[in-house]
Amino acid sequence: MNKKISVGMMATIVLLAMTVTFSVTMLLAMRLFDSTVSSVKEKESMYSKISELDRYVRSNDYYTIDETLLYDTISSGYMVGTGDKYARYYTASAYTELLNIQNGTLIGIGVELARDQTGYAKVMKVYEGSPAQDAGIVAGDYITSIDDVDVKTMTSVDAIQARLRGETGTTVKLVWLDAEKAEQSVELTRSGYVSTTIDYQMTSGNVGYIKIRQFDSTTPSELDYAIRALSGAGATSLVFDLRDNAGGVLDEAIRCIDLLCPEGIVAYAEDKNGSREVLGSSSDESVVDLPMVCLVNSGTASASELFASCLRTLSGARLVGTTTQGKGTIQSSPQRLSDGSAVVVTVAKLISGDGTSFDGVGLTVDAERALTADEQAMYYSFTLDTDPQIQRAVSTAQYLSGSSTVTAMSEQEPAAETGETPEAAETPESPEASGEAAADSAEAGEEPASSEAAPEE
């Protein structure tokens, strides 16, 4: 009797379990079906609109459609339509070029350009072993024409860059003005060359100056070499020039921070739900025990902002210049598509190791040094010895190292940020320094928005 009741109870329990499972499964399936149908309907509506538009244009347009251009433009427009201001679509050729830039191997003529108030492309740097070097082009020359097209008619430095780069073995005709303003003309054959992201040299007062143009795969090794060279030459402090450094590869910037800073968390990635994941940390294996200054401006963005922020919080570096751009988001690595093109989207917010975010606000500096209108016009003509912002950064570095009794820091700098005692922060300046500070307070200019700089061509 007991056995029969037990079996019956078991059968009832199994039946109830099956009923509940079936009901839950059906409910979830119905919700999934509704969601799928809704998604399918939305996609169908979108594709139907594009199809309708395409049929009309092909039936009535006078011009012949370039199919590749059409597809690339549609893809680019889709990325713009997402509302993600940092999302980007790369054509197949643009993606290949991006990889070459990040790997330090480019196909072109081997120059780094900027466009100043003349409207022409000023040569800022010529790379070793490049076609431009072989042709006798040097820094300070001006490229005025590319393939018989006036450079002044080109919309941006990026447009000039597009004209200069191309496949190995192809040619490009250049007209340029040399130091004597004599017009030169040459037809160059594009070829590969190795680019660098760092320049360095010793300044007066044993201050090591390091210009970082962007963070790419070669930057950590270049930075390590530069620091060793400057330290070996007797540098007592370092200035990192990050002006107009738009960032680059975040992982490489973190590796550079690890070369300099003591142990600590460098950065977090914060997703849209607020969850944080550690992106990287610095160890104590390689610590640079020298006073450091970061020179920044409104063109300092993303990975270069993180670099400056971490040097300040982990190593006590001072920031000189003007407030940075405030791009504190993380983009995905380019996702390659089937036709060789690629897309990038924003995946998280970038949080500094101290838990702060500079997204949308930028980093404020410890010593403000903007450029006057006249200085802005001369921005690309300055040398290491005449650039007023570099000189402010150098004098700050000298003060930090104790090689100068004159502080170039602002009197309003908070003692809590500098790590100094209030007495040290209130060290009186000499008449020369006070005069410079007074002049700076009257200089409310910024770096010229119209002055453009571009990476290697």
Protein backbone atom coordinates (compact mmCIF):
# COMPACT_ATOMS: atom_id res chain seq x y z
CA MET A 1 0.00 0.00 0.00
CA ASN A 2 2.76 2.37 0.99
CA LYS A 3 4.71 1.47 -2.11
CA LYS A 4 1.73 2.29 -4.38
CA ILE A 5 1.17 5.64 -2.68
CA SER A 6 4.86 6.47 -3.02
CA VAL A 7 4.86 5.70 -6.72
CA GLY A 8 1.71 7.75 -7.26
CA MET A 9 3.16 10.72 -5.40
CA MET A 10 6.30 10.46 -7.48
CA ALA A 11 4.31 10.42 -10.70
CA THR A 12 2.36 13.48 -9.59
CA ILE A 13 5.53 15.40 -8.75
CA VAL A 14 7.09 14.51 -12.10
CA LEU A 15 3.95 15.59 -13.93
CA LEU A 16 3.84 18.92 -12.10
CA ALA A 17 7.52 19.52 -12.82
CA MET A 18 6.98 18.81 -16.51
CA THR A 19 4.00 21.16 -16.59
CA VAL A 20 5.89 24.00 -14.92
CA THR A 21 8.92 23.49 -17.15
CA PHE A 22 6.74 23.47 -20.25
CA SER A 23 4.91 26.62 -19.17
CA VAL A 24 8.12 28.52 -18.40
CA THR A 25 9.70 27.38 -21.64
CA MET A 26 6.68 28.46 -23.67
CA LEU A 27 6.60 31.85 -21.91
CA LEU A 28 10.28 32.50 -22.63
CA ALA A 29 9.90 31.26 -26.20
CA MET A 30 6.96 33.59 -26.78
CA ARG A 31 8.89 36.56 -25.42
CA LEU A 32 11.91 35.68 -27.54
CA PHE A 33 9.67 35.26 -30.57
CA ASP A 34 8.02 38.64 -29.97
CA SER A 35 11.44 40.29 -29.56
CA THR A 36 12.78 38.58 -32.68
CA VAL A 37 9.75 39.51 -34.75
CA SER A 38 10.03 43.11 -33.57
CA SER A 39 13.75 43.14 -34.44
CA VAL A 40 13.09 41.53 -37.81
CA LYS A 41 10.35 44.05 -38.56
CA GLU A 42 12.67 46.95 -37.67
CA LYS A 43 15.44 45.57 -39.85
CA GLU A 44 12.99 44.85 -42.67
CA SER A 45 11.74 48.42 -42.46
CA MET A 46 15.30 49.77 -42.56
CA TYR A 47 16.35 47.60 -45.48
CA SER A 48 13.12 48.34 -47.34
CA LYS A 49 13.80 52.07 -47.07
CA ILE A 50 17.35 51.69 -48.38
CA SER A 51 16.10 49.40 -51.14
CA GLU A 52 13.39 51.89 -52.11
CA LEU A 53 15.92 54.71 -52.18
CA ASP A 54 18.36 52.63 -54.21
CA ARG A 55 15.72 51.71 -56.82
CA TYR A 56 14.72 55.33 -57.32
CA VAL A 57 18.29 56.63 -57.60
CA ARG A 58 19.39 53.94 -60.04
CA SER A 59 16.33 54.55 -62.19
CA ASN A 60 16.69 58.33 -62.37
CA ASP A 61 20.22 59.48 -61.53
CA TYR A 62 22.15 61.04 -64.41
CA TYR A 63 25.54 59.99 -62.99
CA THR A 64 27.09 56.54 -62.94
CA ILE A 65 27.31 55.15 -59.42
CA ASP A 66 30.69 54.13 -58.03
CA GLU A 67 29.62 50.99 -56.16
CA THR A 68 32.65 50.87 -53.85
CA LEU A 69 32.23 54.52 -52.89
CA LEU A 70 28.51 53.97 -52.33
CA TYR A 71 28.99 50.99 -50.00
CA ASP A 72 31.78 52.70 -48.06
CA THR A 73 29.69 55.83 -47.63
CA ILE A 74 26.64 53.84 -46.46
CA SER A 75 28.82 52.04 -43.91
CA SER A 76 30.36 55.29 -42.72
CA GLY A 77 26.91 56.87 -42.43
CA TYR A 78 25.69 53.94 -40.34
CA MET A 79 28.50 54.54 -37.82
CA VAL A 80 27.63 58.24 -37.65
CA GLY A 81 23.98 57.33 -37.13
CA THR A 82 24.75 55.32 -33.99
CA GLY A 83 25.36 58.58 -32.11
CA ASP A 84 28.77 57.32 -30.95
CA LYS A 85 31.00 60.29 -31.77
CA TYR A 86 34.12 58.13 -31.63
CA ALA A 87 32.74 55.27 -33.75
CA ARG A 88 34.52 55.04 -37.07
CA TYR A 89 34.42 53.10 -40.30
CA TYR A 90 37.68 52.35 -42.13
CA THR A 91 37.72 51.44 -45.79
CA ALA A 92 39.94 48.47 -46.64
CA SER A 93 42.78 50.76 -47.74
CA ALA A 94 42.37 53.05 -44.72
CA TYR A 95 42.48 50.06 -42.37
CA THR A 96 45.69 48.80 -43.97
CA GLU A 97 47.16 52.28 -43.59
CA LEU A 98 46.11 52.37 -39.91
CA LEU A 99 47.90 49.07 -39.26
CA ASN A 100 51.03 50.42 -40.97
CA ILE A 101 50.93 53.54 -38.80
CA GLN A 102 50.50 51.54 -35.59
CA ASN A 103 53.33 49.20 -36.56
CA GLY A 104 55.62 52.09 -37.46
CA THR A 105 55.94 51.02 -41.11
CA LEU A 106 54.48 53.44 -43.63
CA ILE A 107 54.24 53.70 -47.40
CA GLY A 108 54.75 57.24 -48.65
CA ILE A 109 57.56 59.78 -48.96
CA GLY A 110 58.63 60.02 -45.30
CA VAL A 111 57.73 63.45 -43.93
CA GLU A 112 55.78 64.74 -40.97
CA LEU A 113 53.72 67.80 -41.83
CA ALA A 114 51.82 70.69 -40.29
CA ARG A 115 49.87 73.49 -41.93
CA ASP A 116 50.52 76.96 -40.57
CA GLN A 117 49.17 80.40 -41.42
CA THR A 118 50.68 80.26 -44.93
CA GLY A 119 48.24 77.53 -45.92
CA TYR A 120 51.03 75.35 -47.26
CA ALA A 121 52.32 72.09 -45.74
CA LYS A 122 55.36 72.78 -43.59
CA VAL A 123 57.81 69.91 -43.26
CA MET A 124 58.36 69.29 -39.55
CA LYS A 125 60.41 66.11 -39.79
CA VAL A 126 62.05 63.98 -42.49
CA TYR A 127 62.59 60.29 -41.74
CA GLU A 128 65.84 58.44 -42.29
CA GLY A 129 65.99 56.37 -45.49
CA SER A 130 62.81 57.90 -46.91
CA PRO A 131 62.24 59.15 -50.49
CA ALA A 132 61.91 62.70 -49.15
CA GLN A 133 65.37 62.54 -47.56
CA ASP A 134 66.86 61.19 -50.78
CA ALA A 135 65.31 64.11 -52.66
CA GLY A 136 66.92 66.65 -50.32
CA ILE A 137 63.74 67.78 -48.57
CA VAL A 138 64.52 69.02 -45.05
CA ALA A 139 62.57 70.25 -42.02
CA GLY A 140 61.42 73.83 -42.58
CA ASP A 141 60.67 73.38 -46.29
CA TYR A 142 57.14 74.02 -47.57
CA ILE A 143 55.29 71.67 -49.90
CA THR A 144 53.16 73.84 -52.19
CA SER A 145 51.86 71.41 -54.80
CA ILE A 146 51.15 67.68 -55.06
CA ASP A 147 50.54 66.18 -58.50
CA ASP A 148 49.91 69.69 -59.86
CA VAL A 149 47.23 70.41 -57.22
CA ASP A 150 47.79 73.48 -55.04
CA VAL A 151 48.09 72.42 -51.38
CA LYS A 152 46.09 75.49 -50.33
CA THR A 153 43.01 74.01 -52.02
CA MET A 154 43.19 70.86 -49.89
CA THR A 155 40.80 70.87 -46.96
CA SER A 156 43.08 69.53 -44.23
CA VAL A 157 46.38 67.91 -43.38
CA ASP A 158 44.58 64.58 -43.67
CA ALA A 159 43.76 65.41 -47.29
CA ILE A 160 47.42 66.21 -47.93
CA GLN A 161 48.37 62.96 -46.23
CA ALA A 162 46.02 61.01 -48.49
CA ARG A 163 47.73 62.52 -51.54
CA LEU A 164 51.21 61.59 -50.36
CA ARG A 165 50.54 58.00 -49.30
CA GLY A 166 50.03 55.17 -51.74
CA GLU A 167 51.22 51.79 -52.91
CA THR A 168 54.92 50.96 -53.08
CA GLY A 169 56.39 51.82 -56.48
CA THR A 170 53.82 54.47 -57.41
CA THR A 171 55.01 58.02 -57.98
CA VAL A 172 53.97 61.45 -56.76
CA LYS A 173 55.07 64.84 -58.10
CA LEU A 174 56.02 67.48 -55.53
CA VAL A 175 56.77 71.16 -55.69
CA TRP A 176 58.31 72.71 -52.58
CA LEU A 177 60.09 75.82 -51.34
CA ASP A 178 63.48 75.41 -49.69
CA ALA A 179 65.08 77.58 -47.00
CA GLU A 180 65.94 80.25 -49.58
CA LYS A 181 62.35 80.19 -50.89
CA ALA A 182 63.60 78.72 -54.13
CA GLU A 183 61.06 76.49 -55.84
CA GLN A 184 62.06 72.87 -56.26
CA SER A 185 60.28 70.11 -58.16
CA VAL A 186 60.73 66.35 -58.09
CA GLU A 187 58.90 63.12 -58.84
CA LEU A 188 59.24 60.71 -55.93
CA THR A 189 58.62 56.97 -55.86
CA ARG A 190 56.72 55.89 -52.78
CA SER A 191 58.40 53.27 -50.63
CA GLY A 192 58.31 51.87 -47.13
CA TYR A 193 60.21 53.51 -44.30
CA VAL A 194 60.33 53.20 -40.53
CA SER A 195 58.71 56.00 -38.54
CA THR A 196 59.28 56.98 -34.93
CA THR A 197 56.92 58.41 -32.33
CA ILE A 198 59.50 60.05 -30.05
CA ASP A 199 62.13 62.76 -30.36
CA TYR A 200 64.42 63.67 -27.47
CA GLN A 201 67.35 65.91 -26.58
CA MET A 202 68.99 67.63 -23.62
CA THR A 203 68.04 71.23 -22.93
CA SER A 204 69.80 73.86 -20.85
CA GLY A 205 70.05 73.13 -17.16
CA ASN A 206 70.32 69.36 -17.67
CA VAL A 207 66.61 68.94 -18.42
CA GLY A 208 65.80 66.01 -20.67
CA TYR A 209 63.15 66.89 -23.27
CA ILE A 210 61.02 64.08 -24.76
CA LYS A 211 58.39 64.74 -27.43
CA ILE A 212 55.79 61.94 -27.73
CA ARG A 213 53.70 62.39 -30.88
CA GLN A 214 51.45 59.35 -30.33
CA PHE A 215 51.41 55.98 -28.59
CA ASP A 216 52.01 53.06 -30.95
CA SER A 217 53.68 49.65 -30.80
CA THR A 218 57.17 51.15 -31.03
CA THR A 219 56.67 53.87 -28.41
CA PRO A 220 57.58 51.91 -25.23
CA SER A 221 60.96 50.80 -26.62
CA GLU A 222 61.63 54.29 -28.00
CA LEU A 223 60.76 55.86 -24.65
CA ASP A 224 62.95 53.42 -22.74
CA TYR A 225 65.88 54.23 -25.03
CA ALA A 226 65.30 57.99 -24.73
CA ILE A 227 65.17 57.88 -20.92
CA ARG A 228 68.34 55.80 -20.73
CA ALA A 229 70.15 58.12 -23.14
CA LEU A 230 69.13 61.30 -21.31
CA SER A 231 69.86 59.82 -17.88
CA GLY A 232 73.27 58.72 -19.11
CA ALA A 233 73.90 62.25 -20.36
CA GLY A 234 73.23 63.66 -16.88
CA ALA A 235 69.56 64.70 -17.02
CA THR A 236 68.36 65.81 -13.57
CA SER A 237 64.68 66.12 -14.63
CA LEU A 238 62.43 65.26 -17.57
CA VAL A 239 59.88 67.16 -19.65
CA PHE A 240 57.35 65.14 -21.67
CA ASP A 241 55.83 67.17 -24.50
CA LEU A 242 52.34 65.75 -25.12
CA ARG A 243 50.89 68.71 -26.99
CA ASP A 244 48.63 67.64 -29.87
CA ASN A 245 49.14 63.98 -28.97
CA ALA A 246 45.71 62.55 -29.78
CA GLY A 247 46.42 59.27 -28.00
CA GLY A 248 46.94 56.17 -30.10
CA VAL A 249 47.01 52.64 -28.70
CA LEU A 250 45.91 52.62 -25.04
CA ASP A 251 47.81 49.44 -24.14
CA GLU A 252 51.07 50.97 -25.35
CA ALA A 253 50.46 54.10 -23.25
CA ILE A 254 49.98 51.87 -20.20
CA ARG A 255 53.28 50.14 -20.97
CA CYS A 256 54.97 53.55 -21.12
CA ILE A 257 53.49 54.51 -17.75
CA ASP A 258 54.84 51.26 -16.31
CA LEU A 259 58.34 52.27 -17.46
CA LEU A 260 58.19 55.43 -15.37
CA CYS A 261 55.90 55.05 -12.39
CA PRO A 262 56.04 53.12 -9.10
CA GLU A 263 53.61 50.33 -8.30
CA GLY A 264 49.96 51.21 -8.63
CA ILE A 265 46.80 50.83 -10.70
CA VAL A 266 47.03 52.76 -13.96
CA ALA A 267 43.50 52.60 -15.36
CA TYR A 268 40.05 51.05 -15.19
CA ALA A 269 37.46 50.38 -17.88
CA GLU A 270 33.95 51.25 -16.73
CA ASP A 271 31.07 49.70 -18.71
CA LYS A 272 27.63 51.25 -19.19
CA ASN A 273 26.37 49.50 -16.06
CA GLY A 274 29.06 51.11 -13.91
CA SER A 275 31.13 47.95 -13.42
CA ARG A 276 34.89 48.52 -13.43
CA GLU A 277 37.69 46.30 -14.64
CA VAL A 278 41.39 46.99 -14.11
CA LEU A 279 43.04 47.71 -17.47
CA GLY A 280 46.60 47.79 -16.28
CA SER A 281 48.98 48.39 -13.40
CA SER A 282 52.53 49.60 -13.03
CA SER A 283 55.08 47.53 -11.14
CA ASP A 284 58.15 48.71 -9.25
CA GLU A 285 60.53 46.95 -11.63
CA SER A 286 61.42 50.13 -13.51
CA VAL A 287 60.86 53.46 -11.77
CA VAL A 288 62.31 56.75 -12.99
CA ASP A 289 63.32 58.66 -9.88
CA LEU A 290 63.58 62.09 -11.50
CA PRO A 291 61.30 65.14 -11.26
CA MET A 292 58.93 65.12 -14.24
CA VAL A 293 56.81 67.66 -16.08
CA CYS A 294 54.12 67.01 -18.69
CA LEU A 295 53.51 69.77 -21.25
CA VAL A 296 49.89 69.57 -22.47
CA ASN A 297 47.30 71.52 -24.45
CA SER A 298 43.78 71.19 -25.85
CA GLY A 299 45.09 68.69 -28.40
CA THR A 300 46.29 66.31 -25.67
CA ALA A 301 43.69 63.54 -25.64
CA SER A 302 42.78 60.02 -24.60
CA ALA A 303 45.85 57.83 -23.93
CA SER A 304 48.11 60.87 -23.63
CA GLU A 305 45.75 62.34 -21.00
CA LEU A 306 45.96 59.07 -19.08
CA PHE A 307 49.76 59.22 -19.34
CA ALA A 308 49.83 62.74 -17.87
CA SER A 309 47.26 61.90 -15.19
CA CYS A 310 49.15 58.82 -13.99
CA LEU A 311 52.52 60.60 -13.94
CA ARG A 312 50.93 63.26 -11.74
CA THR A 313 49.19 60.89 -9.30
CA LEU A 314 51.83 58.14 -9.14
CA SER A 315 55.08 60.09 -9.60
CA GLY A 316 54.22 63.64 -8.57
CA ALA A 317 54.72 65.11 -12.05
CA ARG A 318 53.53 68.67 -12.72
CA LEU A 319 51.32 69.58 -15.67
CA VAL A 320 52.18 72.75 -17.59
CA GLY A 321 50.30 74.37 -20.50
CA THR A 322 46.54 74.47 -20.92
CA THR A 323 43.59 72.20 -20.08
CA THR A 324 43.55 68.97 -22.07
CA GLN A 325 40.83 67.81 -24.47
CA GLY A 326 38.85 65.52 -22.18
CA LYS A 327 38.48 62.35 -24.27
CA GLY A 328 38.08 59.72 -21.59
CA THR A 329 36.46 56.82 -23.43
CA ILE A 330 37.77 53.50 -24.71
CA GLN A 331 37.26 52.32 -28.26
CA SER A 332 37.37 48.72 -29.41
CA SER A 333 40.23 47.38 -31.46
CA PRO A 334 39.27 47.65 -35.14
CA GLN A 335 36.89 44.81 -36.04
CA ARG A 336 37.85 43.63 -39.52
CA LEU A 337 34.92 42.94 -41.86
CA SER A 338 34.77 40.39 -44.66
CA ASP A 339 35.80 42.84 -47.40
CA GLY A 340 38.90 44.07 -45.53
CA SER A 341 37.26 47.17 -44.09
CA ALA A 342 36.95 47.65 -40.33
CA VAL A 343 34.87 49.39 -37.68
CA VAL A 344 35.59 50.83 -34.24
CA VAL A 345 33.02 51.58 -31.53
CA THR A 346 33.15 52.96 -27.99
CA VAL A 347 33.03 50.14 -25.43
CA ALA A 348 33.70 51.78 -22.05
CA LYS A 349 34.68 54.90 -20.12
CA LEU A 350 38.35 55.34 -19.24
CA ILE A 351 38.97 55.86 -15.52
CA SER A 352 42.36 56.89 -14.16
CA GLY A 353 44.00 54.73 -11.52
CA ASP A 354 42.99 57.15 -8.76
CA GLY A 355 39.33 56.63 -9.66
CA THR A 356 38.79 59.96 -11.42
CA SER A 357 37.52 60.57 -14.94
CA PHE A 358 38.69 63.33 -17.27
CA ASP A 359 36.05 62.60 -19.90
CA GLY A 360 34.37 65.81 -21.02
CA VAL A 361 36.37 68.02 -18.66
CA GLY A 362 40.05 67.38 -19.40
CA LEU A 363 42.96 67.69 -17.03
CA THR A 364 43.63 71.07 -15.43
CA VAL A 365 47.26 72.11 -15.30
CA ASP A 366 49.40 73.04 -12.33
CA ALA A 367 51.02 75.93 -14.22
CA GLU A 368 48.97 77.71 -16.88
CA ARG A 369 50.88 78.81 -19.96
CA ALA A 370 48.63 79.63 -22.90
CA LEU A 371 49.85 81.17 -26.14
CA THR A 372 49.19 84.73 -27.19
CA ALA A 373 47.72 85.41 -30.64
CA ASP A 374 51.17 86.28 -31.97
CA GLU A 375 52.65 83.12 -30.45
CA GLN A 376 49.88 81.04 -32.00
CA ALA A 377 50.83 82.35 -35.43
CA MET A 378 54.43 81.30 -34.77
CA TYR A 379 53.56 77.92 -33.25
CA TYR A 380 55.19 75.78 -35.96
CA SER A 381 58.20 78.06 -36.29
CA PHE A 382 59.32 77.77 -32.67
CA THR A 383 62.43 75.83 -31.76
CA LEU A 384 63.22 74.11 -28.50
CA ASP A 385 64.93 77.29 -27.28
CA THR A 386 62.24 79.74 -28.43
CA ASP A 387 58.99 77.89 -27.71
CA PRO A 388 57.51 79.75 -24.70
CA GLN A 389 55.53 76.74 -23.44
CA ILE A 390 58.57 74.48 -23.57
CA GLN A 391 60.58 77.12 -21.75
CA ARG A 392 57.93 77.29 -19.02
CA ALA A 393 58.00 73.49 -18.70
CA VAL A 394 61.82 73.46 -18.59
CA SER A 395 61.97 76.15 -15.90
CA THR A 396 59.40 74.18 -13.87
CA ALA A 397 61.51 71.03 -14.20
CA GLN A 398 64.61 72.95 -13.11
CA TYR A 399 62.79 74.22 -10.05
CA LEU A 400 61.61 70.73 -9.12
CA SER A 401 65.13 69.34 -9.42
CA GLY A 402 66.56 72.13 -7.28
CA SER A 403 68.80 73.41 -10.07
CA SER A 404 66.94 76.71 -10.06
CA THR A 405 65.76 78.85 -7.15
CA VAL A 406 63.04 80.35 -9.31
CA THR A 407 59.68 78.60 -9.36
CA ALA A 408 57.75 78.64 -12.58
CA MET A 409 54.70 77.21 -10.88
CA SER A 410 51.58 79.25 -10.31
CA GLU A 411 51.27 80.81 -6.85
CA GLN A 412 47.69 79.47 -6.78
CA GLU A 413 48.80 75.84 -7.11
CA PRO A 414 47.22 73.80 -4.26
CA ALA A 415 49.81 72.41 -1.87
CA ALA A 416 47.83 69.14 -1.67
CA GLU A 417 48.32 68.58 -5.41
CA THR A 418 52.00 69.44 -5.47
CA GLY A 419 52.92 67.33 -2.50
CA GLU A 420 54.73 70.34 -0.97
CA THR A 421 54.24 71.89 2.42
CA PRO A 422 52.44 75.23 2.40
CA GLU A 423 55.73 76.96 3.14
CA ALA A 424 57.41 75.35 0.14
CA ALA A 425 54.47 76.17 -2.11
CA GLU A 426 54.73 79.83 -1.11
CA THR A 427 58.40 80.23 -2.09
CA PRO A 428 58.66 83.79 -3.42
CA GLU A 429 59.56 84.24 -7.05
CA SER A 430 62.30 86.47 -8.41
CA PRO A 431 61.31 89.69 -10.24
CA GLU A 432 61.86 87.91 -13.57
CA ALA A 433 59.55 85.04 -12.63
CA SER A 434 56.94 87.40 -11.20
CA GLY A 435 56.99 89.40 -14.41
CA GLU A 436 56.51 86.26 -16.47
CA ALA A 437 53.59 85.15 -14.30
CA ALA A 438 51.98 88.56 -14.69
CA ALA A 439 52.42 88.37 -18.44
CA ASP A 440 50.94 84.88 -18.47
CA SER A 441 47.83 86.02 -16.60
CA ALA A 442 47.23 88.50 -19.39
CA GLU A 443 47.68 85.82 -22.04
CA ALA A 444 44.32 84.14 -22.44
CA GLY A 445 44.97 82.65 -25.88
CA GLU A 446 44.90 78.95 -26.88
CA GLU A 447 46.75 76.95 -29.44
CA PRO A 448 45.35 77.84 -32.88
CA ALA A 449 42.37 75.74 -33.82
CA SER A 450 43.20 76.31 -37.47
CA SER A 451 46.79 75.11 -37.16
CA GLU A 452 46.91 71.44 -37.99
CA ALA A 453 49.51 68.78 -37.44
CA ALA A 454 49.56 65.31 -38.90
CA PRO A 455 51.56 62.18 -38.37
CA GLU A 456 54.05 60.84 -40.86
CA GLU A 457 53.29 61.00 -44.57
